[in-house]
All heavy atoms as atom14 arrays in JSON, in Angstrom:
{
  "sequence": "GTGKSGDLPPRPECAPAWREALLARLKEIELTLVIGQHAHAWHLPDAG",
  "atom14_mask": [
    [1, 1, 1, 1, 0, 0, 0, 0, 0, 0, 0, 0, 0, 0],
    [1, 1, 1, 1, 1, 1, 1, 0, 0, 0, 0, 0, 0, 0],
    [1, 1, 1, 1, 0, 0, 0, 0, 0, 0, 0, 0, 0, 0],
    [1, 1, 1, 1, 1, 1, 1, 1, 1, 0, 0, 0, 0, 0],
    [1, 1, 1, 1, 1, 1, 0, 0, 0, 0, 0, 0, 0, 0],
    [1, 1, 1, 1, 0, 0, 0, 0, 0, 0, 0, 0, 0, 0],
    [1, 1, 1, 1, 1, 1, 1, 1, 0, 0, 0, 0, 0, 0],
    [1, 1, 1, 1, 1, 1, 1, 1, 0, 0, 0, 0, 0, 0],
    [1, 1, 1, 1, 1, 1, 1, 0, 0, 0, 0, 0, 0, 0],
    [1, 1, 1, 1, 1, 1, 1, 0, 0, 0, 0, 0, 0, 0],
    [1, 1, 1, 1, 1, 1, 1, 1, 1, 1, 1, 0, 0, 0],
    [1, 1, 1, 1, 1, 1, 1, 0, 0, 0, 0, 0, 0, 0],
    [1, 1, 1, 1, 1, 1, 1, 1, 1, 0, 0, 0, 0, 0],
    [1, 1, 1, 1, 1, 1, 0, 0, 0, 0, 0, 0, 0, 0],
    [1, 1, 1, 1, 1, 0, 0, 0, 0, 0, 0, 0, 0, 0],
    [1, 1, 1, 1, 1, 1, 1, 0, 0, 0, 0, 0, 0, 0],
    [1, 1, 1, 1, 1, 0, 0, 0, 0, 0, 0, 0, 0, 0],
    [1, 1, 1, 1, 1, 1, 1, 1, 1, 1, 1, 1, 1, 1],
    [1, 1, 1, 1, 1, 1, 1, 1, 1, 1, 1, 0, 0, 0],
    [1, 1, 1, 1, 1, 1, 1, 1, 1, 0, 0, 0, 0, 0],
    [1, 1, 1, 1, 1, 0, 0, 0, 0, 0, 0, 0, 0, 0],
    [1, 1, 1, 1, 1, 1, 1, 1, 0, 0, 0, 0, 0, 0],
    [1, 1, 1, 1, 1, 1, 1, 1, 0, 0, 0, 0, 0, 0],
    [1, 1, 1, 1, 1, 0, 0, 0, 0, 0, 0, 0, 0, 0],
    [1, 1, 1, 1, 1, 1, 1, 1, 1, 1, 1, 0, 0, 0],
    [1, 1, 1, 1, 1, 1, 1, 1, 0, 0, 0, 0, 0, 0],
    [1, 1, 1, 1, 1, 1, 1, 1, 1, 0, 0, 0, 0, 0],
    [1, 1, 1, 1, 1, 1, 1, 1, 1, 0, 0, 0, 0, 0],
    [1, 1, 1, 1, 1, 1, 1, 1, 0, 0, 0, 0, 0, 0],
    [1, 1, 1, 1, 1, 1, 1, 1, 1, 0, 0, 0, 0, 0],
    [1, 1, 1, 1, 1, 1, 1, 1, 0, 0, 0, 0, 0, 0],
    [1, 1, 1, 1, 1, 1, 1, 0, 0, 0, 0, 0, 0, 0],
    [1, 1, 1, 1, 1, 1, 1, 1, 0, 0, 0, 0, 0, 0],
    [1, 1, 1, 1, 1, 1, 1, 0, 0, 0, 0, 0, 0, 0],
    [1, 1, 1, 1, 1, 1, 1, 1, 0, 0, 0, 0, 0, 0],
    [1, 1, 1, 1, 0, 0, 0, 0, 0, 0, 0, 0, 0, 0],
    [1, 1, 1, 1, 1, 1, 1, 1, 1, 0, 0, 0, 0, 0],
    [1, 1, 1, 1, 1, 1, 1, 1, 1, 1, 0, 0, 0, 0],
    [1, 1, 1, 1, 1, 0, 0, 0, 0, 0, 0, 0, 0, 0],
    [1, 1, 1, 1, 1, 1, 1, 1, 1, 1, 0, 0, 0, 0],
    [1, 1, 1, 1, 1, 0, 0, 0, 0, 0, 0, 0, 0, 0],
    [1, 1, 1, 1, 1, 1, 1, 1, 1, 1, 1, 1, 1, 1],
    [1, 1, 1, 1, 1, 1, 1, 1, 1, 1, 0, 0, 0, 0],
    [1, 1, 1, 1, 1, 1, 1, 1, 0, 0, 0, 0, 0, 0],
    [1, 1, 1, 1, 1, 1, 1, 0, 0, 0, 0, 0, 0, 0],
    [1, 1, 1, 1, 1, 1, 1, 1, 0, 0, 0, 0, 0, 0],
    [1, 1, 1, 1, 1, 0, 0, 0, 0, 0, 0, 0, 0, 0],
    [1, 1, 1, 1, 0, 0, 0, 0, 0, 0, 0, 0, 0, 0]
  ],
  "atom14_positions": [
    [[-163.27, 24.82, 39.6], [-163.67, 26.15, 40.05], [-163.47, 26.29, 41.56], [-163.07, 25.35, 42.25], [0.0, 0.0, 0.0], [0.0, 0.0, 0.0], [0.0, 0.0, 0.0], [0.0, 0.0, 0.0], [0.0, 0.0, 0.0], [0.0, 0.0, 0.0], [0.0, 0.0, 0.0], [0.0, 0.0, 0.0], [0.0, 0.0, 0.0], [0.0, 0.0, 0.0]],
    [[-163.78, 27.48, 42.07], [-163.55, 27.79, 43.47], [-164.86, 27.91, 44.22], [-165.82, 28.48, 43.73], [-162.77, 29.13, 43.58], [-161.56, 29.0, 42.85], [-162.43, 29.45, 45.03], [0.0, 0.0, 0.0], [0.0, 0.0, 0.0], [0.0, 0.0, 0.0], [0.0, 0.0, 0.0], [0.0, 0.0, 0.0], [0.0, 0.0, 0.0], [0.0, 0.0, 0.0]],
    [[-164.86, 27.38, 45.45], [-166.0, 27.48, 46.35], [-165.66, 28.37, 47.53], [-164.66, 29.08, 47.52], [0.0, 0.0, 0.0], [0.0, 0.0, 0.0], [0.0, 0.0, 0.0], [0.0, 0.0, 0.0], [0.0, 0.0, 0.0], [0.0, 0.0, 0.0], [0.0, 0.0, 0.0], [0.0, 0.0, 0.0], [0.0, 0.0, 0.0], [0.0, 0.0, 0.0]],
    [[-166.46, 28.29, 48.58], [-166.27, 29.13, 49.77], [-164.95, 28.86, 50.48], [-164.32, 29.78, 50.98], [-167.43, 28.92, 50.75], [-168.75, 29.46, 50.29], [-169.82, 29.19, 51.32], [-171.17, 29.67, 50.8], [-172.24, 29.36, 51.77], [0.0, 0.0, 0.0], [0.0, 0.0, 0.0], [0.0, 0.0, 0.0], [0.0, 0.0, 0.0], [0.0, 0.0, 0.0]],
    [[-164.55, 27.59, 50.57], [-163.36, 27.27, 51.36], [-162.25, 26.65, 50.51], [-161.44, 25.86, 50.99], [-163.73, 26.31, 52.49], [-164.26, 25.11, 51.97], [0.0, 0.0, 0.0], [0.0, 0.0, 0.0], [0.0, 0.0, 0.0], [0.0, 0.0, 0.0], [0.0, 0.0, 0.0], [0.0, 0.0, 0.0], [0.0, 0.0, 0.0], [0.0, 0.0, 0.0]],
    [[-162.2, 26.99, 49.24], [-161.16, 26.45, 48.35], [-161.76, 25.93, 47.07], [-162.88, 26.27, 46.7], [0.0, 0.0, 0.0], [0.0, 0.0, 0.0], [0.0, 0.0, 0.0], [0.0, 0.0, 0.0], [0.0, 0.0, 0.0], [0.0, 0.0, 0.0], [0.0, 0.0, 0.0], [0.0, 0.0, 0.0], [0.0, 0.0, 0.0], [0.0, 0.0, 0.0]],
    [[-161.01, 25.08, 46.4], [-161.48, 24.52, 45.14], [-162.7, 23.64, 45.37], [-162.83, 22.98, 46.4], [-160.38, 23.7, 44.47], [-159.23, 24.56, 43.97], [-159.39, 25.79, 43.89], [-158.17, 23.99, 43.68], [0.0, 0.0, 0.0], [0.0, 0.0, 0.0], [0.0, 0.0, 0.0], [0.0, 0.0, 0.0], [0.0, 0.0, 0.0], [0.0, 0.0, 0.0]],
    [[-163.58, 23.62, 44.39], [-164.76, 22.75, 44.44], [-164.32, 21.29, 44.3], [-163.21, 21.02, 43.84], [-165.73, 23.13, 43.32], [-166.39, 24.5, 43.45], [-167.13, 24.85, 42.16], [-167.32, 24.53, 44.65], [0.0, 0.0, 0.0], [0.0, 0.0, 0.0], [0.0, 0.0, 0.0], [0.0, 0.0, 0.0], [0.0, 0.0, 0.0], [0.0, 0.0, 0.0]],
    [[-165.19, 20.34, 44.64], [-164.85, 18.93, 44.45], [-164.69, 18.62, 42.96], [-165.17, 19.37, 42.11], [-166.07, 18.18, 45.0], [-166.92, 19.17, 45.68], [-166.5, 20.54, 45.24], [0.0, 0.0, 0.0], [0.0, 0.0, 0.0], [0.0, 0.0, 0.0], [0.0, 0.0, 0.0], [0.0, 0.0, 0.0], [0.0, 0.0, 0.0], [0.0, 0.0, 0.0]],
    [[-164.03, 17.5, 42.66], [-163.89, 17.11, 41.24], [-165.26, 17.0, 40.58], [-166.24, 16.59, 41.21], [-163.24, 15.72, 41.32], [-162.62, 15.65, 42.67], [-163.43, 16.52, 43.56], [0.0, 0.0, 0.0], [0.0, 0.0, 0.0], [0.0, 0.0, 0.0], [0.0, 0.0, 0.0], [0.0, 0.0, 0.0], [0.0, 0.0, 0.0], [0.0, 0.0, 0.0]],
    [[-165.31, 17.36, 39.32], [-166.57, 17.24, 38.58], [-166.99, 15.77, 38.55], [-166.16, 14.9, 38.34], [-166.42, 17.82, 37.19], [-166.16, 19.33, 37.23], [-166.26, 19.96, 35.86], [-167.46, 19.57, 35.17], [-168.62, 20.23, 35.2], [-168.74, 21.31, 35.93], [-169.65, 19.8, 34.52], [0.0, 0.0, 0.0], [0.0, 0.0, 0.0], [0.0, 0.0, 0.0]],
    [[-168.26, 15.49, 38.73], [-168.71, 14.1, 38.9], [-168.67, 13.24, 37.64], [-168.66, 12.02, 37.73], [-170.14, 14.26, 39.4], [-170.59, 15.58, 38.9], [-169.35, 16.45, 38.89], [0.0, 0.0, 0.0], [0.0, 0.0, 0.0], [0.0, 0.0, 0.0], [0.0, 0.0, 0.0], [0.0, 0.0, 0.0], [0.0, 0.0, 0.0], [0.0, 0.0, 0.0]],
    [[-168.61, 13.83, 36.46], [-168.67, 13.01, 35.24], [-167.33, 12.42, 34.81], [-167.29, 11.45, 34.06], [-169.3, 13.8, 34.08], [-168.5, 14.99, 33.62], [-168.8, 16.28, 34.35], [-169.38, 16.26, 35.44], [-168.43, 17.35, 33.81], [0.0, 0.0, 0.0], [0.0, 0.0, 0.0], [0.0, 0.0, 0.0], [0.0, 0.0, 0.0], [0.0, 0.0, 0.0]],
    [[-166.22, 12.97, 35.29], [-164.9, 12.48, 34.83], [-164.62, 11.04, 35.23], [-164.29, 10.22, 34.39], [-163.79, 13.38, 35.39], [-163.62, 14.94, 34.53], [0.0, 0.0, 0.0], [0.0, 0.0, 0.0], [0.0, 0.0, 0.0], [0.0, 0.0, 0.0], [0.0, 0.0, 0.0], [0.0, 0.0, 0.0], [0.0, 0.0, 0.0], [0.0, 0.0, 0.0]],
    [[-164.72, 10.76, 36.51], [-164.34, 9.41, 36.99], [-165.16, 8.31, 36.32], [-164.58, 7.37, 35.76], [-164.42, 9.34, 38.5], [0.0, 0.0, 0.0], [0.0, 0.0, 0.0], [0.0, 0.0, 0.0], [0.0, 0.0, 0.0], [0.0, 0.0, 0.0], [0.0, 0.0, 0.0], [0.0, 0.0, 0.0], [0.0, 0.0, 0.0], [0.0, 0.0, 0.0]],
    [[-166.49, 8.38, 36.31], [-167.25, 7.31, 35.67], [-166.97, 7.18, 34.17], [-166.97, 6.07, 33.63], [-168.71, 7.69, 35.91], [-168.69, 8.62, 37.07], [-167.37, 9.34, 37.0], [0.0, 0.0, 0.0], [0.0, 0.0, 0.0], [0.0, 0.0, 0.0], [0.0, 0.0, 0.0], [0.0, 0.0, 0.0], [0.0, 0.0, 0.0], [0.0, 0.0, 0.0]],
    [[-166.7, 8.28, 33.51], [-166.5, 8.24, 32.06], [-165.13, 7.72, 31.65], [-165.01, 7.05, 30.62], [-166.73, 9.64, 31.47], [0.0, 0.0, 0.0], [0.0, 0.0, 0.0], [0.0, 0.0, 0.0], [0.0, 0.0, 0.0], [0.0, 0.0, 0.0], [0.0, 0.0, 0.0], [0.0, 0.0, 0.0], [0.0, 0.0, 0.0], [0.0, 0.0, 0.0]],
    [[-164.08, 8.0, 32.43], [-162.73, 7.74, 31.95], [-161.85, 6.88, 32.85], [-160.89, 6.28, 32.38], [-162.01, 9.09, 31.75], [-162.65, 9.89, 30.69], [-163.48, 10.96, 30.87], [-162.53, 9.71, 29.29], [-163.88, 11.45, 29.66], [-163.31, 10.7, 28.66], [-161.84, 8.8, 28.48], [-163.42, 10.8, 27.29], [-161.95, 8.91, 27.11], [-162.74, 9.9, 26.53]],
    [[-162.13, 6.82, 34.14], [-161.2, 6.2, 35.09], [-160.88, 4.74, 34.8], [-159.71, 4.36, 34.72], [-161.78, 6.31, 36.5], [-160.85, 7.03, 37.34], [-161.26, 7.37, 38.69], [-160.08, 7.16, 39.45], [-158.94, 7.79, 39.21], [-158.86, 8.69, 38.29], [-157.87, 7.54, 39.9], [0.0, 0.0, 0.0], [0.0, 0.0, 0.0], [0.0, 0.0, 0.0]],
    [[-161.89, 3.92, 34.66], [-161.65, 2.48, 34.46], [-160.84, 2.22, 33.19], [-159.92, 1.4, 33.2], [-162.97, 1.71, 34.43], [-163.69, 1.67, 35.76], [-162.89, 1.01, 36.88], [-162.07, 0.11, 36.61], [-163.08, 1.41, 38.04], [0.0, 0.0, 0.0], [0.0, 0.0, 0.0], [0.0, 0.0, 0.0], [0.0, 0.0, 0.0], [0.0, 0.0, 0.0]],
    [[-161.17, 2.89, 32.12], [-160.45, 2.67, 30.86], [-158.98, 3.07, 30.97], [-158.1, 2.36, 30.47], [-161.12, 3.45, 29.73], [0.0, 0.0, 0.0], [0.0, 0.0, 0.0], [0.0, 0.0, 0.0], [0.0, 0.0, 0.0], [0.0, 0.0, 0.0], [0.0, 0.0, 0.0], [0.0, 0.0, 0.0], [0.0, 0.0, 0.0], [0.0, 0.0, 0.0]],
    [[-158.71, 4.17, 31.64], [-157.32, 4.61, 31.79], [-156.57, 3.73, 32.78], [-155.41, 3.35, 32.54], [-157.27, 6.07, 32.21], [-157.71, 7.05, 31.12], [-157.86, 8.46, 31.67], [-156.73, 7.03, 29.94], [0.0, 0.0, 0.0], [0.0, 0.0, 0.0], [0.0, 0.0, 0.0], [0.0, 0.0, 0.0], [0.0, 0.0, 0.0], [0.0, 0.0, 0.0]],
    [[-157.19, 3.39, 33.89], [-156.54, 2.53, 34.88], [-156.21, 1.15, 34.27], [-155.16, 0.57, 34.59], [-157.42, 2.36, 36.12], [-157.53, 3.58, 37.04], [-158.6, 3.35, 38.09], [-156.19, 3.93, 37.66], [0.0, 0.0, 0.0], [0.0, 0.0, 0.0], [0.0, 0.0, 0.0], [0.0, 0.0, 0.0], [0.0, 0.0, 0.0], [0.0, 0.0, 0.0]],
    [[-157.06, 0.66, 33.41], [-156.83, -0.65, 32.78], [-155.56, -0.66, 31.93], [-154.97, -1.72, 31.71], [-158.04, -1.04, 31.93], [0.0, 0.0, 0.0], [0.0, 0.0, 0.0], [0.0, 0.0, 0.0], [0.0, 0.0, 0.0], [0.0, 0.0, 0.0], [0.0, 0.0, 0.0], [0.0, 0.0, 0.0], [0.0, 0.0, 0.0], [0.0, 0.0, 0.0]],
    [[-155.13, 0.48, 31.47], [-153.92, 0.57, 30.64], [-152.65, 0.59, 31.49], [-151.55, 0.43, 30.96], [-153.99, 1.82, 29.76], [-155.19, 1.79, 28.81], [-155.18, 2.99, 27.92], [-154.1, 2.9, 26.96], [-154.21, 2.44, 25.72], [-155.38, 2.0, 25.3], [-153.18, 2.4, 24.91], [0.0, 0.0, 0.0], [0.0, 0.0, 0.0], [0.0, 0.0, 0.0]],
    [[-152.79, 0.81, 32.79], [-151.64, 0.95, 33.68], [-151.33, -0.4, 34.35], [-151.57, -0.6, 35.53], [-151.89, 2.04, 34.72], [-152.15, 3.43, 34.15], [-152.55, 4.4, 35.24], [-150.94, 3.94, 33.38], [0.0, 0.0, 0.0], [0.0, 0.0, 0.0], [0.0, 0.0, 0.0], [0.0, 0.0, 0.0], [0.0, 0.0, 0.0], [0.0, 0.0, 0.0]],
    [[-150.74, -1.28, 33.62], [-150.51, -2.65, 34.09], [-149.2, -2.82, 34.86], [-148.97, -3.86, 35.47], [-150.55, -3.61, 32.91], [-151.9, -3.57, 32.19], [-152.1, -4.78, 31.34], [-153.36, -4.73, 30.53], [-154.58, -4.57, 31.23], [0.0, 0.0, 0.0], [0.0, 0.0, 0.0], [0.0, 0.0, 0.0], [0.0, 0.0, 0.0], [0.0, 0.0, 0.0]],
    [[-148.34, -1.82, 34.85], [-147.03, -1.92, 35.52], [-147.0, -1.2, 36.87], [-145.94, -1.13, 37.5], [-145.94, -1.33, 34.61], [-145.84, -1.98, 33.25], [-145.41, -3.43, 33.33], [-144.53, -3.75, 34.16], [-145.97, -4.26, 32.58], [0.0, 0.0, 0.0], [0.0, 0.0, 0.0], [0.0, 0.0, 0.0], [0.0, 0.0, 0.0], [0.0, 0.0, 0.0]],
    [[-148.11, -0.69, 37.32], [-148.15, 0.07, 38.58], [-147.83, -0.84, 39.76], [-148.44, -1.89, 39.93], [-149.53, 0.74, 38.78], [-149.82, 1.76, 37.67], [-149.64, 1.39, 40.16], [-148.87, 2.94, 37.62], [0.0, 0.0, 0.0], [0.0, 0.0, 0.0], [0.0, 0.0, 0.0], [0.0, 0.0, 0.0], [0.0, 0.0, 0.0], [0.0, 0.0, 0.0]],
    [[-146.86, -0.41, 40.57], [-146.47, -1.14, 41.78], [-146.86, -0.4, 43.05], [-146.87, -0.99, 44.13], [-144.95, -1.38, 41.77], [-144.48, -2.25, 40.64], [-142.97, -2.43, 40.64], [-142.37, -2.47, 41.74], [-142.39, -2.51, 39.55], [0.0, 0.0, 0.0], [0.0, 0.0, 0.0], [0.0, 0.0, 0.0], [0.0, 0.0, 0.0], [0.0, 0.0, 0.0]],
    [[-147.14, 0.9, 42.91], [-147.47, 1.72, 44.07], [-148.47, 2.78, 43.65], [-148.26, 3.47, 42.65], [-146.2, 2.4, 44.62], [-146.38, 3.42, 45.74], [-146.96, 2.76, 47.0], [-145.04, 4.08, 46.06], [0.0, 0.0, 0.0], [0.0, 0.0, 0.0], [0.0, 0.0, 0.0], [0.0, 0.0, 0.0], [0.0, 0.0, 0.0], [0.0, 0.0, 0.0]],
    [[-149.56, 2.91, 44.42], [-150.57, 3.92, 44.15], [-150.71, 4.81, 45.37], [-150.95, 4.32, 46.48], [-151.94, 3.27, 43.83], [-151.79, 2.44, 42.68], [-153.0, 4.33, 43.56], [0.0, 0.0, 0.0], [0.0, 0.0, 0.0], [0.0, 0.0, 0.0], [0.0, 0.0, 0.0], [0.0, 0.0, 0.0], [0.0, 0.0, 0.0], [0.0, 0.0, 0.0]],
    [[-150.55, 6.11, 45.18], [-150.75, 7.1, 46.23], [-152.15, 7.67, 46.05], [-152.46, 8.25, 45.02], [-149.71, 8.22, 46.15], [-148.25, 7.79, 46.1], [-147.34, 8.99, 46.11], [-147.92, 6.84, 47.23], [0.0, 0.0, 0.0], [0.0, 0.0, 0.0], [0.0, 0.0, 0.0], [0.0, 0.0, 0.0], [0.0, 0.0, 0.0], [0.0, 0.0, 0.0]],
    [[-153.0, 7.49, 47.06], [-154.4, 7.9, 47.0], [-154.54, 9.13, 47.88], [-154.5, 9.04, 49.11], [-155.32, 6.75, 47.46], [-156.78, 7.15, 47.31], [-155.04, 5.49, 46.65], [0.0, 0.0, 0.0], [0.0, 0.0, 0.0], [0.0, 0.0, 0.0], [0.0, 0.0, 0.0], [0.0, 0.0, 0.0], [0.0, 0.0, 0.0], [0.0, 0.0, 0.0]],
    [[-154.69, 10.28, 47.24], [-154.58, 11.57, 47.93], [-155.92, 12.28, 48.05], [-156.53, 12.65, 47.05], [-153.58, 12.47, 47.16], [-152.21, 11.8, 47.12], [-153.5, 13.85, 47.79], [-151.21, 12.47, 46.22], [0.0, 0.0, 0.0], [0.0, 0.0, 0.0], [0.0, 0.0, 0.0], [0.0, 0.0, 0.0], [0.0, 0.0, 0.0], [0.0, 0.0, 0.0]],
    [[-156.37, 12.47, 49.28], [-157.59, 13.22, 49.54], [-158.84, 12.38, 49.58], [-158.87, 11.23, 49.11], [0.0, 0.0, 0.0], [0.0, 0.0, 0.0], [0.0, 0.0, 0.0], [0.0, 0.0, 0.0], [0.0, 0.0, 0.0], [0.0, 0.0, 0.0], [0.0, 0.0, 0.0], [0.0, 0.0, 0.0], [0.0, 0.0, 0.0], [0.0, 0.0, 0.0]],
    [[-159.88, 12.94, 50.16], [-161.11, 12.18, 50.43], [-161.81, 11.66, 49.19], [-162.37, 10.56, 49.2], [-162.06, 13.0, 51.29], [-162.63, 14.22, 50.61], [-163.53, 15.03, 51.53], [-163.72, 14.7, 52.68], [-164.07, 16.1, 51.0], [0.0, 0.0, 0.0], [0.0, 0.0, 0.0], [0.0, 0.0, 0.0], [0.0, 0.0, 0.0], [0.0, 0.0, 0.0]],
    [[-161.81, 12.4, 48.09], [-162.49, 11.94, 46.89], [-161.77, 10.73, 46.28], [-162.41, 9.79, 45.81], [-162.65, 13.07, 45.87], [-163.47, 14.2, 46.39], [-164.84, 14.11, 46.54], [-163.12, 15.43, 46.85], [-165.3, 15.24, 47.04], [-164.27, 16.04, 47.24], [0.0, 0.0, 0.0], [0.0, 0.0, 0.0], [0.0, 0.0, 0.0], [0.0, 0.0, 0.0]],
    [[-160.46, 10.76, 46.31], [-159.68, 9.62, 45.83], [-159.84, 8.43, 46.77], [-159.95, 7.28, 46.32], [-158.21, 10.01, 45.69], [0.0, 0.0, 0.0], [0.0, 0.0, 0.0], [0.0, 0.0, 0.0], [0.0, 0.0, 0.0], [0.0, 0.0, 0.0], [0.0, 0.0, 0.0], [0.0, 0.0, 0.0], [0.0, 0.0, 0.0], [0.0, 0.0, 0.0]],
    [[-159.9, 8.69, 48.07], [-160.11, 7.61, 49.04], [-161.44, 6.91, 48.75], [-161.51, 5.68, 48.76], [-160.14, 8.15, 50.47], [-158.81, 8.56, 51.0], [-158.58, 8.7, 52.35], [-157.63, 8.88, 50.4], [-157.33, 9.08, 52.55], [-156.73, 9.2, 51.38], [0.0, 0.0, 0.0], [0.0, 0.0, 0.0], [0.0, 0.0, 0.0], [0.0, 0.0, 0.0]],
    [[-162.47, 7.7, 48.52], [-163.8, 7.13, 48.29], [-163.81, 6.18, 47.1], [-164.52, 5.17, 47.11], [-164.83, 8.24, 48.1], [0.0, 0.0, 0.0], [0.0, 0.0, 0.0], [0.0, 0.0, 0.0], [0.0, 0.0, 0.0], [0.0, 0.0, 0.0], [0.0, 0.0, 0.0], [0.0, 0.0, 0.0], [0.0, 0.0, 0.0], [0.0, 0.0, 0.0]],
    [[-163.04, 6.46, 46.07], [-163.02, 5.63, 44.86], [-162.11, 4.4, 45.04], [-162.46, 3.31, 44.6], [-162.53, 6.46, 43.68], [-162.51, 5.71, 42.39], [-161.51, 4.86, 41.96], [-163.5, 5.69, 41.37], [-161.83, 4.35, 40.73], [-163.04, 4.84, 40.34], [-164.72, 6.33, 41.21], [-163.77, 4.61, 39.19], [-165.44, 6.09, 40.05], [-164.97, 5.24, 39.06]],
    [[-160.95, 4.58, 45.66], [-159.91, 3.55, 45.66], [-159.85, 2.66, 46.89], [-159.17, 1.64, 46.85], [-158.54, 4.2, 45.44], [-158.32, 4.63, 44.03], [-157.77, 3.81, 43.09], [-158.6, 5.79, 43.41], [-157.72, 4.45, 41.94], [-158.21, 5.64, 42.1], [0.0, 0.0, 0.0], [0.0, 0.0, 0.0], [0.0, 0.0, 0.0], [0.0, 0.0, 0.0]],
    [[-160.49, 3.03, 47.97], [-160.4, 2.23, 49.19], [-161.68, 1.44, 49.4], [-162.77, 2.0, 49.35], [-160.12, 3.12, 50.41], [-158.86, 3.99, 50.33], [-158.72, 4.83, 51.59], [-157.62, 3.15, 50.1], [0.0, 0.0, 0.0], [0.0, 0.0, 0.0], [0.0, 0.0, 0.0], [0.0, 0.0, 0.0], [0.0, 0.0, 0.0], [0.0, 0.0, 0.0]],
    [[-161.56, 0.17, 49.66], [-162.76, -0.67, 49.8], [-163.64, -0.29, 50.99], [-164.83, -0.52, 50.97], [-162.19, -2.08, 49.97], [-160.78, -1.9, 50.38], [-160.34, -0.58, 49.82], [0.0, 0.0, 0.0], [0.0, 0.0, 0.0], [0.0, 0.0, 0.0], [0.0, 0.0, 0.0], [0.0, 0.0, 0.0], [0.0, 0.0, 0.0], [0.0, 0.0, 0.0]],
    [[-163.04, 0.31, 52.0], [-163.81, 0.7, 53.18], [-163.82, 2.22, 53.33], [-163.52, 2.76, 54.37], [-163.24, 0.05, 54.44], [-161.72, 0.17, 54.52], [-161.13, 0.79, 53.62], [-161.13, -0.35, 55.47], [0.0, 0.0, 0.0], [0.0, 0.0, 0.0], [0.0, 0.0, 0.0], [0.0, 0.0, 0.0], [0.0, 0.0, 0.0], [0.0, 0.0, 0.0]],
    [[-164.2, 2.87, 52.27], [-164.11, 4.33, 52.19], [-165.08, 5.07, 53.1], [-165.09, 6.28, 53.12], [-164.33, 4.78, 50.75], [0.0, 0.0, 0.0], [0.0, 0.0, 0.0], [0.0, 0.0, 0.0], [0.0, 0.0, 0.0], [0.0, 0.0, 0.0], [0.0, 0.0, 0.0], [0.0, 0.0, 0.0], [0.0, 0.0, 0.0], [0.0, 0.0, 0.0]],
    [[-165.89, 4.37, 53.87], [-166.81, 5.04, 54.77], [-166.12, 5.75, 55.91], [-166.69, 6.62, 56.54], [0.0, 0.0, 0.0], [0.0, 0.0, 0.0], [0.0, 0.0, 0.0], [0.0, 0.0, 0.0], [0.0, 0.0, 0.0], [0.0, 0.0, 0.0], [0.0, 0.0, 0.0], [0.0, 0.0, 0.0], [0.0, 0.0, 0.0], [0.0, 0.0, 0.0]]
  ]
}
């Protein structure tokens, strides 16, 4: 959905419910592009 300054953040239930199971199936990945602050927070060890 849309907020005051653009799209709202990703819904909070998707990542915990599905991310690990889907990522576990991707065993051939050689390069991951981590786009935007929400993705950074999940994928970068020093996301602070």
